[in-house]
């Protein structure tokens, strides 16, 4: 099951911010499909006054985030997501434990797209 939710009043963001959130969501869902063995994934996009927050949570097998190795073909997804978010002055966290699923949170500044008339 994939559950999508939006809270707050959606506003168009600067394209760079929208791309960052899209890519993080995309990579997070790919990771869930490849590694989590999850039965349920929840994706929530929350619009607040000064930030937009993307939460991705799954009920999969979980892991120890500090143990992720970025060598060979794996482990780069989390590092790349964090770098993308920090490049736009955002914050990125991953919480997980074996057998307890994973919660990923990316927040970016709520900088609206310029409206042209």
PDB file of N, CA and C in Angstrom:
ATOM      1  N   UNK A   1       0.830  -1.190   0.000  1.00  0.00           N
ATOM      2  CA  UNK A   1       0.000   0.000   0.000  1.00  0.00           C
ATOM      3  C   UNK A   1       0.875   1.255   0.000  1.00  0.00           C
ATOM      4  N   UNK A   2       0.500   2.217  -0.810  1.00  0.00           N
ATOM      5  CA  UNK A   2       1.135   3.532  -0.802  1.00  0.00           C
ATOM      6  C   UNK A   2       0.065   4.540  -0.427  1.00  0.00           C
ATOM      7  N   UNK A   3       0.299   5.278   0.645  1.00  0.00           N
ATOM      8  CA  UNK A   3      -0.651   6.282   1.110  1.00  0.00           C
ATOM      9  C   UNK A   3      -0.019   7.653   0.921  1.00  0.00           C
ATOM     10  N   UNK A   4      -0.692   8.513   0.164  1.00  0.00           N
ATOM     11  CA  UNK A   4      -0.208   9.873  -0.081  1.00  0.00           C
ATOM     12  C   UNK A   4      -1.079  10.850   0.683  1.00  0.00           C
ATOM     13  N   UNK A   5      -0.448  11.866   1.268  1.00  0.00           N
ATOM     14  CA  UNK A   5      -1.198  12.867   2.025  1.00  0.00           C
ATOM     15  C   UNK A   5      -0.521  14.221   1.870  1.00  0.00           C
ATOM     16  N   UNK A   6      -1.320  15.258   1.898  1.00  0.00           N
ATOM     17  CA  UNK A   6      -0.820  16.635   1.863  1.00  0.00           C
ATOM     18  C   UNK A   6      -1.495  17.399   2.985  1.00  0.00           C
ATOM     19  N   UNK A   7      -0.709  18.185   3.714  1.00  0.00           N
ATOM     20  CA  UNK A   7      -1.279  19.040   4.747  1.00  0.00           C
ATOM     21  C   UNK A   7      -0.885  20.486   4.467  1.00  0.00           C
ATOM     22  N   UNK A   8      -1.668  21.410   4.961  1.00  0.00           N
ATOM     23  CA  UNK A   8      -1.412  22.823   4.723  1.00  0.00           C
ATOM     24  C   UNK A   8      -1.928  23.236   3.356  1.00  0.00           C
ATOM     25  N   UNK A   9      -1.644  24.467   3.004  1.00  0.00           N
ATOM     26  CA  UNK A   9      -2.086  25.034   1.725  1.00  0.00           C
ATOM     27  C   UNK A   9      -0.965  24.919   0.698  1.00  0.00           C
ATOM     28  N   UNK A  10      -1.109  24.016  -0.283  1.00  0.00           N
ATOM     29  CA  UNK A  10      -0.059  23.862  -1.300  1.00  0.00           C
ATOM     30  C   UNK A  10       0.179  25.157  -2.079  1.00  0.00           C
ATOM     31  N   UNK A  11       1.444  25.493  -2.256  1.00  0.00           N
ATOM     32  CA  UNK A  11       1.826  26.661  -3.050  1.00  0.00           C
ATOM     33  C   UNK A  11       2.943  26.244  -4.005  1.00  0.00           C
ATOM     34  N   UNK A  12       2.976  26.846  -5.208  1.00  0.00           N
ATOM     35  CA  UNK A  12       4.090  26.536  -6.110  1.00  0.00           C
ATOM     36  C   UNK A  12       5.397  27.055  -5.507  1.00  0.00           C
ATOM     37  N   UNK A  13       6.400  26.193  -5.508  1.00  0.00           N
ATOM     38  CA  UNK A  13       7.711  26.563  -4.969  1.00  0.00           C
ATOM     39  C   UNK A  13       8.661  26.895  -6.105  1.00  0.00           C
ATOM     40  N   UNK A  14       9.799  27.491  -5.747  1.00  0.00           N
ATOM     41  CA  UNK A  14      10.854  27.665  -6.739  1.00  0.00           C
ATOM     42  C   UNK A  14      11.115  26.303  -7.382  1.00  0.00           C
ATOM     43  N   UNK A  15      11.267  26.261  -8.695  1.00  0.00           N
ATOM     44  CA  UNK A  15      11.460  24.973  -9.373  1.00  0.00           C
ATOM     45  C   UNK A  15      12.589  24.127  -8.772  1.00  0.00           C
ATOM     46  N   UNK A  16      13.675  24.760  -8.351  1.00  0.00           N
ATOM     47  CA  UNK A  16      14.795  24.015  -7.763  1.00  0.00           C
ATOM     48  C   UNK A  16      14.352  23.249  -6.516  1.00  0.00           C
ATOM     49  N   UNK A  17      13.489  23.869  -5.709  1.00  0.00           N
ATOM     50  CA  UNK A  17      13.001  23.219  -4.495  1.00  0.00           C
ATOM     51  C   UNK A  17      12.056  22.075  -4.838  1.00  0.00           C
ATOM     52  N   UNK A  18      11.192  22.287  -5.817  1.00  0.00           N
ATOM     53  CA  UNK A  18      10.271  21.234  -6.228  1.00  0.00           C
ATOM     54  C   UNK A  18      11.033  20.020  -6.759  1.00  0.00           C
ATOM     55  N   UNK A  19      12.096  20.266  -7.520  1.00  0.00           N
ATOM     56  CA  UNK A  19      12.900  19.169  -8.054  1.00  0.00           C
ATOM     57  C   UNK A  19      13.574  18.398  -6.919  1.00  0.00           C
ATOM     58  N   UNK A  20      14.096  19.103  -5.930  1.00  0.00           N
ATOM     59  CA  UNK A  20      14.741  18.438  -4.791  1.00  0.00           C
ATOM     60  C   UNK A  20      13.734  17.528  -4.084  1.00  0.00           C
ATOM     61  N   UNK A  21      12.551  18.037  -3.789  1.00  0.00           N
ATOM     62  CA  UNK A  21      11.548  17.223  -3.095  1.00  0.00           C
ATOM     63  C   UNK A  21      11.123  16.031  -3.948  1.00  0.00           C
ATOM     64  N   UNK A  22      10.950  16.254  -5.246  1.00  0.00           N
ATOM     65  CA  UNK A  22      10.576  15.159  -6.147  1.00  0.00           C
ATOM     66  C   UNK A  22      11.648  14.079  -6.164  1.00  0.00           C
ATOM     67  N   UNK A  23      12.902  14.479  -6.310  1.00  0.00           N
ATOM     68  CA  UNK A  23      13.998  13.505  -6.387  1.00  0.00           C
ATOM     69  C   UNK A  23      14.161  12.734  -5.074  1.00  0.00           C
ATOM     70  N   UNK A  24      13.991  13.409  -3.947  1.00  0.00           N
ATOM     71  CA  UNK A  24      14.084  12.716  -2.661  1.00  0.00           C
ATOM     72  C   UNK A  24      12.948  11.703  -2.542  1.00  0.00           C
ATOM     73  N   UNK A  25      11.729  12.111  -2.893  1.00  0.00           N
ATOM     74  CA  UNK A  25      10.597  11.176  -2.839  1.00  0.00           C
ATOM     75  C   UNK A  25      10.846   9.992  -3.760  1.00  0.00           C
ATOM     76  N   UNK A  26      11.330  10.260  -4.953  1.00  0.00           N
ATOM     77  CA  UNK A  26      11.594   9.221  -5.939  1.00  0.00           C
ATOM     78  C   UNK A  26      12.635   8.224  -5.412  1.00  0.00           C
ATOM     79  N   UNK A  27      13.736   8.729  -4.917  1.00  0.00           N
ATOM     80  CA  UNK A  27      14.805   7.861  -4.419  1.00  0.00           C
ATOM     81  C   UNK A  27      14.355   7.090  -3.181  1.00  0.00           C
ATOM     82  N   UNK A  28      13.595   7.752  -2.313  1.00  0.00           N
ATOM     83  CA  UNK A  28      13.106   7.078  -1.114  1.00  0.00           C
ATOM     84  C   UNK A  28      12.197   5.908  -1.487  1.00  0.00           C
ATOM     85  N   UNK A  29      11.310   6.116  -2.454  1.00  0.00           N
ATOM     86  CA  UNK A  29      10.413   5.042  -2.868  1.00  0.00           C
ATOM     87  C   UNK A  29      11.171   3.913  -3.561  1.00  0.00           C
ATOM     88  N   UNK A  30      12.206   4.256  -4.332  1.00  0.00           N
ATOM     89  CA  UNK A  30      13.052   3.222  -4.945  1.00  0.00           C
ATOM     90  C   UNK A  30      13.729   2.404  -3.846  1.00  0.00           C
ATOM     91  N   UNK A  31      14.248   3.084  -2.816  1.00  0.00           N
ATOM     92  CA  UNK A  31      14.898   2.377  -1.708  1.00  0.00           C
ATOM     93  C   UNK A  31      13.929   1.445  -0.992  1.00  0.00           C
ATOM     94  N   UNK A  32      12.708   1.915  -0.771  1.00  0.00           N
ATOM     95  CA  UNK A  32      11.707   1.067  -0.115  1.00  0.00           C
ATOM     96  C   UNK A  32      11.470  -0.179  -0.961  1.00  0.00           C
ATOM     97  N   UNK A  33      11.311   0.017  -2.280  1.00  0.00           N
ATOM     98  CA  UNK A  33      11.085  -1.115  -3.169  1.00  0.00           C
ATOM     99  C   UNK A  33      12.244  -2.100  -3.205  1.00  0.00           C
ATOM    100  N   UNK A  34      13.465  -1.593  -3.161  1.00  0.00           N
ATOM    101  CA  UNK A  34      14.657  -2.450  -3.254  1.00  0.00           C
ATOM    102  C   UNK A  34      15.014  -3.138  -1.944  1.00  0.00           C
ATOM    103  N   UNK A  35      14.857  -2.416  -0.832  1.00  0.00           N
ATOM    104  CA  UNK A  35      15.477  -2.874   0.408  1.00  0.00           C
ATOM    105  C   UNK A  35      14.532  -3.149   1.576  1.00  0.00           C
ATOM    106  N   UNK A  36      13.390  -2.489   1.644  1.00  0.00           N
ATOM    107  CA  UNK A  36      12.615  -2.485   2.888  1.00  0.00           C
ATOM    108  C   UNK A  36      11.755  -3.721   3.107  1.00  0.00           C
ATOM    109  N   UNK A  37      11.255  -4.320   2.033  1.00  0.00           N
ATOM    110  CA  UNK A  37      10.305  -5.406   2.218  1.00  0.00           C
ATOM    111  C   UNK A  37       9.060  -4.915   2.928  1.00  0.00           C
ATOM    112  N   UNK A  38       8.669  -3.680   2.641  1.00  0.00           N
ATOM    113  CA  UNK A  38       7.552  -3.041   3.343  1.00  0.00           C
ATOM    114  C   UNK A  38       6.206  -3.450   2.758  1.00  0.00           C
ATOM    115  N   UNK A  39       5.195  -3.477   3.607  1.00  0.00           N
ATOM    116  CA  UNK A  39       3.825  -3.704   3.160  1.00  0.00           C
ATOM    117  C   UNK A  39       3.086  -2.394   2.993  1.00  0.00           C
ATOM    118  N   UNK A  40       3.618  -1.347   3.630  1.00  0.00           N
ATOM    119  CA  UNK A  40       2.935  -0.047   3.608  1.00  0.00           C
ATOM    120  C   UNK A  40       3.977   1.062   3.587  1.00  0.00           C
ATOM    121  N   UNK A  41       3.721   2.069   2.751  1.00  0.00           N
ATOM    122  CA  UNK A  41       4.576   3.251   2.672  1.00  0.00           C
ATOM    123  C   UNK A  41       3.668   4.473   2.733  1.00  0.00           C
ATOM    124  N   UNK A  42       4.020   5.426   3.560  1.00  0.00           N
ATOM    125  CA  UNK A  42       3.277   6.676   3.653  1.00  0.00           C
ATOM    126  C   UNK A  42       4.153   7.830   3.223  1.00  0.00           C
ATOM    127  N   UNK A  43       3.629   8.665   2.352  1.00  0.00           N
ATOM    128  CA  UNK A  43       4.353   9.843   1.877  1.00  0.00           C
ATOM    129  C   UNK A  43       3.484  11.059   2.187  1.00  0.00           C
ATOM    130  N   UNK A  44       4.010  11.974   2.985  1.00  0.00           N
ATOM    131  CA  UNK A  44       3.265  13.174   3.376  1.00  0.00           C
ATOM    132  C   UNK A  44       4.066  14.410   3.000  1.00  0.00           C
ATOM    133  N   UNK A  45       3.403  15.342   2.346  1.00  0.00           N
ATOM    134  CA  UNK A  45       3.992  16.631   2.003  1.00  0.00           C
ATOM    135  C   UNK A  45       3.248  17.685   2.805  1.00  0.00           C
ATOM    136  N   UNK A  46       3.967  18.366   3.699  1.00  0.00           N
ATOM    137  CA  UNK A  46       3.359  19.341   4.603  1.00  0.00           C
ATOM    138  C   UNK A  46       3.830  20.744   4.267  1.00  0.00           C
ATOM    139  N   UNK A  47       2.882  21.606   3.922  1.00  0.00           N
ATOM    140  CA  UNK A  47       3.180  23.003   3.618  1.00  0.00           C
ATOM    141  C   UNK A  47       2.972  23.822   4.880  1.00  0.00           C
ATOM    142  N   UNK A  48       4.045  24.483   5.330  1.00  0.00           N
ATOM    143  CA  UNK A  48       3.981  25.344   6.504  1.00  0.00           C
ATOM    144  C   UNK A  48       4.351  26.756   6.072  1.00  0.00           C
ATOM    145  N   UNK A  49       4.281  27.700   6.994  1.00  0.00           N
ATOM    146  CA  UNK A  49       4.572  29.089   6.648  1.00  0.00           C
ATOM    147  C   UNK A  49       5.972  29.275   6.091  1.00  0.00           C
ATOM    148  N   UNK A  50       6.966  28.669   6.740  1.00  0.00           N
ATOM    149  CA  UNK A  50       8.347  28.941   6.354  1.00  0.00           C
ATOM    150  C   UNK A  50       9.085  27.747   5.765  1.00  0.00           C
ATOM    151  N   UNK A  51       8.426  26.575   5.715  1.00  0.00           N
ATOM    152  CA  UNK A  51       9.082  25.403   5.145  1.00  0.00           C
ATOM    153  C   UNK A  51       8.066  24.426   4.576  1.00  0.00           C
ATOM    154  N   UNK A  52       8.591  23.555   3.734  1.00  0.00           N
ATOM    155  CA  UNK A  52       7.806  22.448   3.210  1.00  0.00           C
ATOM    156  C   UNK A  52       8.540  21.186   3.621  1.00  0.00           C
ATOM    157  N   UNK A  53       7.787  20.246   4.192  1.00  0.00           N
ATOM    158  CA  UNK A  53       8.383  19.037   4.752  1.00  0.00           C
ATOM    159  C   UNK A  53       7.842  17.804   4.029  1.00  0.00           C
ATOM    160  N   UNK A  54       8.760  16.957   3.588  1.00  0.00           N
ATOM    161  CA  UNK A  54       8.418  15.675   2.979  1.00  0.00           C
ATOM    162  C   UNK A  54       8.784  14.579   3.971  1.00  0.00           C
ATOM    163  N   UNK A  55       7.789  13.769   4.340  1.00  0.00           N
ATOM    164  CA  UNK A  55       8.023  12.619   5.207  1.00  0.00           C
ATOM    165  C   UNK A  55       7.708  11.357   4.426  1.00  0.00           C
ATOM    166  N   UNK A  56       8.607  10.393   4.477  1.00  0.00           N
ATOM    167  CA  UNK A  56       8.375   9.089   3.863  1.00  0.00           C
ATOM    168  C   UNK A  56       8.609   8.051   4.955  1.00  0.00           C
ATOM    169  N   UNK A  57       7.567   7.274   5.243  1.00  0.00           N
ATOM    170  CA  UNK A  57       7.660   6.267   6.308  1.00  0.00           C
ATOM    171  C   UNK A  57       7.234   4.912   5.754  1.00  0.00           C
ATOM    172  N   UNK A  58       7.955   3.877   6.173  1.00  0.00           N
ATOM    173  CA  UNK A  58       7.566   2.535   5.755  1.00  0.00           C
ATOM    174  C   UNK A  58       7.570   1.595   6.957  1.00  0.00           C
ATOM    175  N   UNK A  59       6.891   0.462   6.788  1.00  0.00           N
ATOM    176  CA  UNK A  59       6.831  -0.537   7.852  1.00  0.00           C
ATOM    177  C   UNK A  59       7.734  -1.729   7.541  1.00  0.00           C
ATOM    178  N   UNK A  60       8.807  -1.463   6.809  1.00  0.00           N
ATOM    179  CA  UNK A  60       9.708  -2.526   6.369  1.00  0.00           C
ATOM    180  C   UNK A  60      10.672  -3.003   7.430  1.00  0.00           C
ATOM    181  N   UNK A  61      11.718  -3.674   6.960  1.00  0.00           N
ATOM    182  CA  UNK A  61      12.642  -4.348   7.874  1.00  0.00           C
ATOM    183  C   UNK A  61      13.545  -3.385   8.629  1.00  0.00           C
ATOM    184  N   UNK A  62      13.701  -2.157   8.151  1.00  0.00           N
ATOM    185  CA  UNK A  62      14.545  -1.188   8.854  1.00  0.00           C
ATOM    186  C   UNK A  62      16.023  -1.529   8.758  1.00  0.00           C
ATOM    187  N   UNK A  63      16.845  -0.662   9.310  1.00  0.00           N
ATOM    188  CA  UNK A  63      18.295  -0.820   9.277  1.00  0.00           C
ATOM    189  C   UNK A  63      18.906   0.140  10.280  1.00  0.00           C
ATOM    190  N   UNK A  64      20.204   0.046  10.451  1.00  0.00           N
ATOM    191  CA  UNK A  64      20.925   0.980  11.320  1.00  0.00           C
ATOM    192  C   UNK A  64      21.555   2.027  10.399  1.00  0.00           C
ATOM    193  N   UNK A  65      21.040   3.266  10.386  1.00  0.00           N
ATOM    194  CA  UNK A  65      21.542   4.278   9.441  1.00  0.00           C
ATOM    195  C   UNK A  65      23.052   4.479   9.489  1.00  0.00           C
ATOM    196  N   UNK A  66      23.656   4.402  10.678  1.00  0.00           N
ATOM    197  CA  UNK A  66      25.099   4.616  10.794  1.00  0.00           C
ATOM    198  C   UNK A  66      25.897   3.499  10.122  1.00  0.00           C
ATOM    199  N   UNK A  67      25.261   2.358   9.907  1.00  0.00           N
ATOM    200  CA  UNK A  67      25.954   1.215   9.308  1.00  0.00           C
ATOM    201  C   UNK A  67      25.898   1.193   7.779  1.00  0.00           C
ATOM    202  N   UNK A  68      25.221   2.173   7.165  1.00  0.00           N
ATOM    203  CA  UNK A  68      25.125   2.195   5.708  1.00  0.00           C
ATOM    204  C   UNK A  68      26.499   2.514   5.132  1.00  0.00           C
ATOM    205  N   UNK A  69      26.965   1.648   4.275  1.00  0.00           N
ATOM    206  CA  UNK A  69      28.286   1.801   3.660  1.00  0.00           C
ATOM    207  C   UNK A  69      28.104   2.368   2.261  1.00  0.00           C
ATOM    208  N   UNK A  70      28.876   3.393   1.920  1.00  0.00           N
ATOM    209  CA  UNK A  70      28.754   4.013   0.598  1.00  0.00           C
ATOM    210  C   UNK A  70      29.905   3.597  -0.301  1.00  0.00           C
ATOM    211  N   UNK A  71      30.022   2.294  -0.464  1.00  0.00           N
ATOM    212  CA  UNK A  71      31.020   1.778  -1.394  1.00  0.00           C
ATOM    213  C   UNK A  71      30.322   0.862  -2.378  1.00  0.00           C
ATOM    214  N   UNK A  72      30.931   0.654  -3.512  1.00  0.00           N
ATOM    215  CA  UNK A  72      30.338  -0.227  -4.504  1.00  0.00           C
ATOM    216  C   UNK A  72      29.068   0.360  -5.076  1.00  0.00           C
ATOM    217  N   UNK A  73      28.028  -0.462  -5.183  1.00  0.00           N
ATOM    218  CA  UNK A  73      26.789  -0.064  -5.855  1.00  0.00           C
ATOM    219  C   UNK A  73      25.714   0.436  -4.899  1.00  0.00           C
ATOM    220  N   UNK A  74      25.951   0.386  -3.590  1.00  0.00           N
ATOM    221  CA  UNK A  74      24.868   0.739  -2.682  1.00  0.00           C
ATOM    222  C   UNK A  74      25.294   1.815  -1.690  1.00  0.00           C
ATOM    223  N   UNK A  75      24.284   2.386  -1.031  1.00  0.00           N
ATOM    224  CA  UNK A  75      24.542   3.349   0.018  1.00  0.00           C
ATOM    225  C   UNK A  75      24.604   4.790  -0.433  1.00  0.00           C
ATOM    226  N   UNK A  76      24.683   5.028  -1.734  1.00  0.00           N
ATOM    227  CA  UNK A  76      24.791   6.409  -2.203  1.00  0.00           C
ATOM    228  C   UNK A  76      23.461   7.146  -2.178  1.00  0.00           C
ATOM    229  N   UNK A  77      22.352   6.428  -2.215  1.00  0.00           N
ATOM    230  CA  UNK A  77      21.035   7.066  -2.253  1.00  0.00           C
ATOM    231  C   UNK A  77      20.797   8.005  -1.092  1.00  0.00           C
ATOM    232  N   UNK A  78      21.040   7.522   0.133  1.00  0.00           N
ATOM    233  CA  UNK A  78      20.819   8.358   1.310  1.00  0.00           C
ATOM    234  C   UNK A  78      21.747   9.561   1.320  1.00  0.00           C
ATOM    235  N   UNK A  79      23.015   9.329   0.997  1.00  0.00           N
ATOM    236  CA  UNK A  79      23.976  10.436   0.985  1.00  0.00           C
ATOM    237  C   UNK A  79      23.588  11.473  -0.062  1.00  0.00           C
ATOM    238  N   UNK A  80      23.175  11.017  -1.243  1.00  0.00           N
ATOM    239  CA  UNK A  80      22.789  11.942  -2.312  1.00  0.00           C
ATOM    240  C   UNK A  80      21.547  12.733  -1.937  1.00  0.00           C
ATOM    241  N   UNK A  81      20.586  12.069  -1.297  1.00  0.00           N
ATOM    242  CA  UNK A  81      19.378  12.780  -0.864  1.00  0.00           C
ATOM    243  C   UNK A  81      19.738  13.883   0.120  1.00  0.00           C
ATOM    244  N   UNK A  82      20.574  13.559   1.096  1.00  0.00           N
ATOM    245  CA  UNK A  82      20.989  14.553   2.076  1.00  0.00           C
ATOM    246  C   UNK A  82      21.716  15.720   1.441  1.00  0.00           C
ATOM    247  N   UNK A  83      22.609  15.428   0.496  1.00  0.00           N
ATOM    248  CA  UNK A  83      23.341  16.499  -0.187  1.00  0.00           C
ATOM    249  C   UNK A  83      22.408  17.397  -0.979  1.00  0.00           C
ATOM    250  N   UNK A  84      21.452  16.802  -1.689  1.00  0.00           N
ATOM    251  CA  UNK A  84      20.485  17.601  -2.472  1.00  0.00           C
ATOM    252  C   UNK A  84      19.740  18.582  -1.571  1.00  0.00           C
ATOM    253  N   UNK A  85      19.266  18.073  -0.452  1.00  0.00           N
ATOM    254  CA  UNK A  85      18.465  18.890   0.463  1.00  0.00           C
ATOM    255  C   UNK A  85      19.315  19.988   1.093  1.00  0.00           C
ATOM    256  N   UNK A  86      20.518  19.660   1.516  1.00  0.00           N
ATOM    257  CA  UNK A  86      21.379  20.672   2.149  1.00  0.00           C
ATOM    258  C   UNK A  86      21.819  21.750   1.163  1.00  0.00           C
ATOM    259  N   UNK A  87      21.918  21.407  -0.125  1.00  0.00           N
ATOM    260  CA  UNK A  87      22.298  22.409  -1.140  1.00  0.00           C
ATOM    261  C   UNK A  87      21.269  23.530  -1.259  1.00  0.00           C
ATOM    262  N   UNK A  88      20.025  23.267  -0.880  1.00  0.00           N
ATOM    263  CA  UNK A  88      18.994  24.307  -0.937  1.00  0.00           C
ATOM    264  C   UNK A  88      18.646  24.799   0.475  1.00  0.00           C
ATOM    265  N   UNK A  89      19.609  24.687   1.383  1.00  0.00           N
ATOM    266  CA  UNK A  89      19.476  25.148   2.775  1.00  0.00           C
ATOM    267  C   UNK A  89      18.390  24.415   3.541  1.00  0.00           C
ATOM    268  N   UNK A  90      18.205  23.146   3.216  1.00  0.00           N
ATOM    269  CA  UNK A  90      17.218  22.335   3.909  1.00  0.00           C
ATOM    270  C   UNK A  90      17.859  21.428   4.939  1.00  0.00           C
ATOM    271  N   UNK A  91      17.030  20.566   5.523  1.00  0.00           N
ATOM    272  CA  UNK A  91      17.483  19.601   6.517  1.00  0.00           C
ATOM    273  C   UNK A  91      16.991  18.218   6.121  1.00  0.00           C
ATOM    274  N   UNK A  92      17.792  17.199   6.441  1.00  0.00           N
ATOM    275  CA  UNK A  92      17.474  15.831   6.050  1.00  0.00           C
ATOM    276  C   UNK A  92      17.803  14.894   7.202  1.00  0.00           C
ATOM    277  N   UNK A  93      16.849  14.048   7.591  1.00  0.00           N
ATOM    278  CA  UNK A  93      17.094  13.073   8.646  1.00  0.00           C
ATOM    279  C   UNK A  93      16.544  11.716   8.236  1.00  0.00           C
ATOM    280  N   UNK A  94      17.169  10.686   8.770  1.00  0.00           N
ATOM    281  CA  UNK A  94      16.709   9.319   8.569  1.00  0.00           C
ATOM    282  C   UNK A  94      16.677   8.655   9.939  1.00  0.00           C
ATOM    283  N   UNK A  95      15.525   8.070  10.268  1.00  0.00           N
ATOM    284  CA  UNK A  95      15.401   7.319  11.506  1.00  0.00           C
ATOM    285  C   UNK A  95      14.978   5.906  11.135  1.00  0.00           C
ATOM    286  N   UNK A  96      15.681   4.925  11.664  1.00  0.00           N
ATOM    287  CA  UNK A  96      15.361   3.539  11.373  1.00  0.00           C
ATOM    288  C   UNK A  96      16.012   2.654  12.415  1.00  0.00           C
ATOM    289  N   UNK A  97      15.460   1.466  12.562  1.00  0.00           N
ATOM    290  CA  UNK A  97      16.043   0.445  13.413  1.00  0.00           C
ATOM    291  C   UNK A  97      15.603  -0.903  12.866  1.00  0.00           C
ATOM    292  N   UNK A  98      16.435  -1.904  13.012  1.00  0.00           N
ATOM    293  CA  UNK A  98      16.067  -3.225  12.502  1.00  0.00           C
ATOM    294  C   UNK A  98      14.698  -3.672  13.027  1.00  0.00           C
ATOM    295  N   UNK A  99      13.839  -4.072  12.105  1.00  0.00           N
ATOM    296  CA  UNK A  99      12.506  -4.545  12.451  1.00  0.00           C
ATOM    297  C   UNK A  99      11.491  -3.458  12.726  1.00  0.00           C
ATOM    298  N   UNK A 100      11.880  -2.197  12.599  1.00  0.00           N
ATOM    299  CA  UNK A 100      10.973  -1.105  12.969  1.00  0.00           C
ATOM    300  C   UNK A 100      10.669  -0.132  11.837  1.00  0.00           C
ATOM    301  N   UNK A 101      11.010  -0.478  10.615  1.00  0.00           N
ATOM    302  CA  UNK A 101      10.716   0.415   9.500  1.00  0.00           C
ATOM    303  C   UNK A 101      11.671   1.587   9.445  1.00  0.00           C
ATOM    304  N   UNK A 102      11.363   2.511   8.541  1.00  0.00           N
ATOM    305  CA  UNK A 102      12.222   3.673   8.315  1.00  0.00           C
ATOM    306  C   UNK A 102      11.373   4.923   8.161  1.00  0.00           C
ATOM    307  N   UNK A 103      11.862   6.023   8.713  1.00  0.00           N
ATOM    308  CA  UNK A 103      11.227   7.331   8.551  1.00  0.00           C
ATOM    309  C   UNK A 103      12.275   8.297   8.033  1.00  0.00           C
ATOM    310  N   UNK A 104      11.981   8.886   6.900  1.00  0.00           N
ATOM    311  CA  UNK A 104      12.885   9.836   6.256  1.00  0.00           C
ATOM    312  C   UNK A 104      12.179  11.188   6.239  1.00  0.00           C
ATOM    313  N   UNK A 105      12.896  12.258   6.552  1.00  0.00           N
ATOM    314  CA  UNK A 105      12.300  13.588   6.573  1.00  0.00           C
ATOM    315  C   UNK A 105      13.219  14.571   5.855  1.00  0.00           C
ATOM    316  N   UNK A 106      12.656  15.264   4.868  1.00  0.00           N
ATOM    317  CA  UNK A 106      13.389  16.308   4.144  1.00  0.00           C
ATOM    318  C   UNK A 106      12.581  17.593   4.255  1.00  0.00           C
ATOM    319  N   UNK A 107      13.198  18.653   4.739  1.00  0.00           N
ATOM    320  CA  UNK A 107      12.511  19.939   4.806  1.00  0.00           C
ATOM    321  C   UNK A 107      13.313  20.974   4.031  1.00  0.00           C
ATOM    322  N   UNK A 108      12.581  21.802   3.282  1.00  0.00           N
ATOM    323  CA  UNK A 108      13.206  22.854   2.485  1.00  0.00           C
ATOM    324  C   UNK A 108      12.497  24.167   2.783  1.00  0.00           C
ATOM    325  N   UNK A 109      13.174  25.293   2.558  1.00  0.00           N
ATOM    326  CA  UNK A 109      12.518  26.588   2.773  1.00  0.00           C
ATOM    327  C   UNK A 109      11.324  26.731   1.829  1.00  0.00           C
ATOM    328  N   UNK A 110      10.244  27.315   2.326  1.00  0.00           N
ATOM    329  CA  UNK A 110       9.035  27.513   1.515  1.00  0.00           C
ATOM    330  C   UNK A 110       9.178  28.792   0.702  1.00  0.00           C
ATOM    331  N   UNK A 111      10.055  28.761  -0.284  1.00  0.00           N
ATOM    332  CA  UNK A 111      10.279  29.927  -1.141  1.00  0.00           C
ATOM    333  C   UNK A 111       9.367  29.781  -2.351  1.00  0.00           C
ATOM    334  N   UNK A 112       8.350  30.643  -2.444  1.00  0.00           N
ATOM    335  CA  UNK A 112       7.380  30.496  -3.534  1.00  0.00           C
ATOM    336  C   UNK A 112       7.990  30.846  -4.896  1.00  0.00           C
ATOM    337  N   UNK A 113       7.451  30.201  -5.910  1.00  0.00           N
ATOM    338  CA  UNK A 113       7.848  30.519  -7.278  1.00  0.00           C
ATOM    339  C   UNK A 113       7.377  31.931  -7.582  1.00  0.00           C
ATOM    340  N   UNK A 114       8.127  32.623  -8.412  1.00  0.00           N
ATOM    341  CA  UNK A 114       7.712  33.964  -8.809  1.00  0.00           C
ATOM    342  C   UNK A 114       6.496  33.858  -9.703  1.00  0.00           C
ATOM    343  N   UNK A 115       5.516  34.684  -9.403  1.00  0.00           N
ATOM    344  CA  UNK A 115       4.304  34.706 -10.216  1.00  0.00           C
ATOM    345  C   UNK A 115       4.462  35.773 -11.270  1.00  0.00           C
ATOM    346  N   UNK A 116       4.351  35.370 -12.522  1.00  0.00           N
ATOM    347  CA  UNK A 116       4.474  36.330 -13.630  1.00  0.00           C
ATOM    348  C   UNK A 116       3.099  36.670 -14.152  1.00  0.00           C
ATOM    349  N   UNK A 117       2.899  37.944 -14.405  1.00  0.00           N
ATOM    350  CA  UNK A 117       1.584  38.335 -14.923  1.00  0.00           C
ATOM    351  C   UNK A 117       1.705  38.863 -16.333  1.00  0.00           C
TER     352      UNK A 117
END
